[in-house]
């Protein structure tokens, strides 16, 4: 491999690492949002936040199923579980 190819490979590797780290952070955000939507009673929200809550719920519902599962898994160790 030439020096140019080594540099290009290194730069692509770093870019992929950055994208994967960003994906992990975004999955945590999506997972927290999904959990929030799941436990929030929309009718009980103040009128000032109803539009934003609806946008959030629609955005979460628009996620592909695999992405949503990954998002929920990413926060599963942090979400307190309740047992009956």
N, C-alpha and C. Protein backbone atom coordinates (compact mmCIF):
# COMPACT_ATOMS: atom_id res chain seq x y z
N UNK A 1 0.83 -1.19 0.00
CA UNK A 1 0.00 0.00 0.00
C UNK A 1 0.87 1.24 0.00
N UNK A 2 0.39 2.23 -0.69
CA UNK A 2 1.13 3.47 -0.72
C UNK A 2 0.77 4.32 0.49
N UNK A 3 1.56 5.35 0.71
CA UNK A 3 1.30 6.25 1.83
C UNK A 3 -0.07 6.89 1.68
N UNK A 4 -0.44 7.25 0.47
CA UNK A 4 -1.76 7.86 0.22
C UNK A 4 -2.88 6.90 0.58
N UNK A 5 -2.73 5.63 0.21
CA UNK A 5 -3.75 4.63 0.54
C UNK A 5 -3.82 4.42 2.05
N UNK A 6 -2.68 4.39 2.72
CA UNK A 6 -2.66 4.24 4.18
C UNK A 6 -3.37 5.40 4.85
N UNK A 7 -3.09 6.59 4.37
CA UNK A 7 -3.73 7.78 4.94
C UNK A 7 -5.23 7.75 4.71
N UNK A 8 -5.63 7.39 3.51
CA UNK A 8 -7.06 7.31 3.19
C UNK A 8 -7.75 6.25 4.04
N UNK A 9 -7.13 5.10 4.18
CA UNK A 9 -7.70 4.03 5.00
C UNK A 9 -7.82 4.47 6.44
N UNK A 10 -6.80 5.12 6.96
CA UNK A 10 -6.83 5.62 8.34
C UNK A 10 -7.95 6.63 8.52
N UNK A 11 -8.08 7.56 7.58
CA UNK A 11 -9.11 8.59 7.68
C UNK A 11 -10.50 7.99 7.60
N UNK A 12 -10.70 7.01 6.71
CA UNK A 12 -12.00 6.35 6.62
C UNK A 12 -12.31 5.58 7.90
N UNK A 13 -11.31 4.94 8.46
CA UNK A 13 -11.50 4.22 9.71
C UNK A 13 -11.93 5.16 10.83
N UNK A 14 -11.28 6.30 10.94
CA UNK A 14 -11.63 7.28 11.97
C UNK A 14 -13.04 7.83 11.74
N UNK A 15 -13.39 8.07 10.49
CA UNK A 15 -14.74 8.57 10.16
C UNK A 15 -15.79 7.54 10.55
N UNK A 16 -15.53 6.27 10.27
CA UNK A 16 -16.47 5.21 10.64
C UNK A 16 -16.61 5.14 12.16
N UNK A 17 -15.51 5.25 12.89
CA UNK A 17 -15.56 5.25 14.35
C UNK A 17 -16.40 6.40 14.86
N UNK A 18 -16.22 7.59 14.28
CA UNK A 18 -17.01 8.76 14.69
C UNK A 18 -18.49 8.55 14.40
N UNK A 19 -18.80 7.99 13.23
CA UNK A 19 -20.20 7.75 12.88
C UNK A 19 -20.84 6.71 13.79
N UNK A 20 -20.10 5.68 14.14
CA UNK A 20 -20.63 4.66 15.04
C UNK A 20 -20.88 5.23 16.44
N UNK A 21 -19.98 6.08 16.90
CA UNK A 21 -20.18 6.73 18.21
C UNK A 21 -21.40 7.64 18.17
N UNK A 22 -21.56 8.36 17.07
CA UNK A 22 -22.73 9.24 16.93
C UNK A 22 -24.01 8.42 16.87
N UNK A 23 -23.97 7.30 16.17
CA UNK A 23 -25.14 6.42 16.10
C UNK A 23 -25.52 5.93 17.49
N UNK A 24 -24.53 5.56 18.28
CA UNK A 24 -24.80 5.08 19.64
C UNK A 24 -25.46 6.18 20.47
N UNK A 25 -24.97 7.42 20.34
CA UNK A 25 -25.59 8.53 21.08
C UNK A 25 -27.01 8.79 20.61
N UNK A 26 -27.23 8.74 19.30
CA UNK A 26 -28.57 8.95 18.76
C UNK A 26 -29.52 7.83 19.16
N UNK A 27 -29.01 6.61 19.23
CA UNK A 27 -29.86 5.50 19.68
C UNK A 27 -30.29 5.71 21.13
N UNK A 28 -29.39 6.22 21.96
CA UNK A 28 -29.75 6.50 23.36
C UNK A 28 -30.84 7.56 23.43
N UNK A 29 -30.73 8.59 22.60
CA UNK A 29 -31.75 9.64 22.56
C UNK A 29 -33.08 9.05 22.09
N UNK A 30 -33.04 8.27 21.03
CA UNK A 30 -34.26 7.67 20.50
C UNK A 30 -34.88 6.70 21.51
N UNK A 31 -34.04 5.94 22.19
CA UNK A 31 -34.54 5.01 23.21
C UNK A 31 -35.20 5.74 24.36
N UNK A 32 -34.57 6.79 24.83
CA UNK A 32 -35.15 7.58 25.92
C UNK A 32 -36.46 8.22 25.47
N UNK A 33 -36.49 8.73 24.24
CA UNK A 33 -37.71 9.34 23.72
C UNK A 33 -38.83 8.30 23.61
N UNK A 34 -38.49 7.11 23.13
CA UNK A 34 -39.49 6.05 22.99
C UNK A 34 -40.05 5.66 24.36
N UNK A 35 -39.17 5.53 25.33
CA UNK A 35 -39.62 5.18 26.68
C UNK A 35 -40.49 6.29 27.26
N UNK A 36 -40.09 7.53 27.03
CA UNK A 36 -40.87 8.68 27.51
C UNK A 36 -42.26 8.69 26.89
N UNK A 37 -42.32 8.47 25.58
CA UNK A 37 -43.61 8.44 24.89
C UNK A 37 -44.47 7.29 25.43
N UNK A 38 -43.85 6.16 25.70
CA UNK A 38 -44.60 4.99 26.16
C UNK A 38 -45.24 5.20 27.53
N UNK A 39 -44.60 5.97 28.38
CA UNK A 39 -45.12 6.12 29.74
C UNK A 39 -45.85 7.44 29.97
N UNK A 40 -45.91 8.28 28.96
CA UNK A 40 -46.55 9.58 29.13
C UNK A 40 -47.98 9.53 28.65
N UNK A 41 -48.87 10.03 29.46
CA UNK A 41 -50.28 10.14 29.09
C UNK A 41 -50.46 11.48 28.39
N UNK A 42 -50.69 11.43 27.09
CA UNK A 42 -50.79 12.64 26.27
C UNK A 42 -51.85 13.62 26.72
N UNK A 43 -52.98 13.12 27.18
CA UNK A 43 -54.06 14.02 27.58
C UNK A 43 -53.72 14.81 28.84
N UNK A 44 -52.78 14.32 29.61
CA UNK A 44 -52.43 15.01 30.84
C UNK A 44 -51.34 16.06 30.68
N UNK A 45 -50.83 16.21 29.46
CA UNK A 45 -49.76 17.18 29.24
C UNK A 45 -50.31 18.60 29.14
N UNK A 46 -49.53 19.56 29.57
CA UNK A 46 -49.94 20.95 29.39
C UNK A 46 -50.08 21.28 27.90
N UNK A 47 -51.00 22.14 27.59
CA UNK A 47 -51.27 22.50 26.19
C UNK A 47 -50.03 23.05 25.49
N UNK A 48 -49.14 23.72 26.24
CA UNK A 48 -47.96 24.35 25.66
C UNK A 48 -46.99 23.32 25.06
N UNK A 49 -47.02 22.09 25.53
CA UNK A 49 -46.09 21.08 25.03
C UNK A 49 -46.76 19.99 24.21
N UNK A 50 -48.06 20.13 23.98
CA UNK A 50 -48.80 19.09 23.27
C UNK A 50 -48.28 18.90 21.84
N UNK A 51 -47.98 19.97 21.14
CA UNK A 51 -47.50 19.86 19.77
C UNK A 51 -46.16 19.15 19.72
N UNK A 52 -45.25 19.54 20.62
CA UNK A 52 -43.93 18.91 20.65
C UNK A 52 -44.04 17.44 21.03
N UNK A 53 -44.93 17.13 21.96
CA UNK A 53 -45.12 15.73 22.36
C UNK A 53 -45.66 14.91 21.19
N UNK A 54 -46.55 15.50 20.42
CA UNK A 54 -47.10 14.80 19.26
C UNK A 54 -46.01 14.57 18.20
N UNK A 55 -45.17 15.58 17.97
CA UNK A 55 -44.06 15.42 17.02
C UNK A 55 -43.11 14.33 17.49
N UNK A 56 -42.82 14.32 18.79
CA UNK A 56 -41.93 13.30 19.35
C UNK A 56 -42.53 11.91 19.17
N UNK A 57 -43.80 11.77 19.49
CA UNK A 57 -44.46 10.47 19.36
C UNK A 57 -44.49 10.01 17.91
N UNK A 58 -44.80 10.91 16.99
CA UNK A 58 -44.82 10.55 15.57
C UNK A 58 -43.42 10.17 15.07
N UNK A 59 -42.42 10.88 15.55
CA UNK A 59 -41.04 10.59 15.14
C UNK A 59 -40.61 9.22 15.64
N UNK A 60 -40.92 8.90 16.87
CA UNK A 60 -40.59 7.59 17.43
C UNK A 60 -41.33 6.50 16.67
N UNK A 61 -42.60 6.72 16.39
CA UNK A 61 -43.39 5.71 15.68
C UNK A 61 -42.92 5.52 14.24
N UNK A 62 -42.26 6.52 13.66
CA UNK A 62 -41.77 6.42 12.28
C UNK A 62 -40.44 5.66 12.17
N UNK A 63 -39.81 5.39 13.31
CA UNK A 63 -38.53 4.66 13.27
C UNK A 63 -38.76 3.24 12.77
N UNK A 64 -37.81 2.72 11.98
CA UNK A 64 -37.90 1.31 11.61
C UNK A 64 -37.85 0.44 12.87
N UNK A 65 -38.52 -0.68 12.83
CA UNK A 65 -38.61 -1.55 14.00
C UNK A 65 -37.25 -1.95 14.54
N UNK A 66 -36.31 -2.31 13.67
CA UNK A 66 -34.98 -2.72 14.12
C UNK A 66 -34.26 -1.57 14.83
N UNK A 67 -34.40 -0.38 14.30
CA UNK A 67 -33.76 0.78 14.93
C UNK A 67 -34.37 1.05 16.30
N UNK A 68 -35.68 0.95 16.38
CA UNK A 68 -36.35 1.18 17.66
C UNK A 68 -35.93 0.13 18.68
N UNK A 69 -35.81 -1.12 18.26
CA UNK A 69 -35.35 -2.18 19.17
C UNK A 69 -33.94 -1.87 19.66
N UNK A 70 -33.05 -1.48 18.74
CA UNK A 70 -31.68 -1.12 19.12
C UNK A 70 -31.68 0.05 20.09
N UNK A 71 -32.55 1.01 19.84
CA UNK A 71 -32.63 2.19 20.71
C UNK A 71 -33.08 1.80 22.12
N UNK A 72 -34.07 0.96 22.20
CA UNK A 72 -34.55 0.54 23.53
C UNK A 72 -33.52 -0.31 24.25
N UNK A 73 -32.82 -1.15 23.52
CA UNK A 73 -31.75 -1.96 24.12
C UNK A 73 -30.64 -1.05 24.65
N UNK A 74 -30.36 0.04 23.93
CA UNK A 74 -29.27 0.93 24.34
C UNK A 74 -29.53 1.60 25.68
N UNK A 75 -30.79 1.69 26.08
CA UNK A 75 -31.10 2.31 27.38
C UNK A 75 -31.62 1.29 28.40
N UNK A 76 -31.75 0.04 27.99
CA UNK A 76 -32.39 -0.95 28.86
C UNK A 76 -31.69 -1.14 30.19
N UNK A 77 -30.39 -0.98 30.24
CA UNK A 77 -29.69 -1.15 31.50
C UNK A 77 -29.84 0.07 32.41
N UNK A 78 -30.34 1.17 31.85
CA UNK A 78 -30.48 2.39 32.63
C UNK A 78 -31.92 2.66 33.06
N UNK A 79 -32.87 2.02 32.41
CA UNK A 79 -34.28 2.26 32.71
C UNK A 79 -34.67 1.41 33.90
N UNK A 80 -35.16 2.04 34.96
CA UNK A 80 -35.60 1.24 36.12
C UNK A 80 -36.81 0.41 35.75
N UNK A 81 -36.81 -0.83 36.16
CA UNK A 81 -37.95 -1.68 35.89
C UNK A 81 -38.79 -1.78 37.14
N UNK A 82 -40.09 -1.89 36.93
CA UNK A 82 -40.99 -2.05 38.07
C UNK A 82 -41.51 -3.46 38.07
N UNK A 83 -41.58 -4.04 39.21
CA UNK A 83 -42.11 -5.39 39.33
C UNK A 83 -43.38 -5.34 40.16
N UNK A 84 -44.37 -6.11 39.76
CA UNK A 84 -45.64 -6.10 40.50
C UNK A 84 -45.53 -6.67 41.88
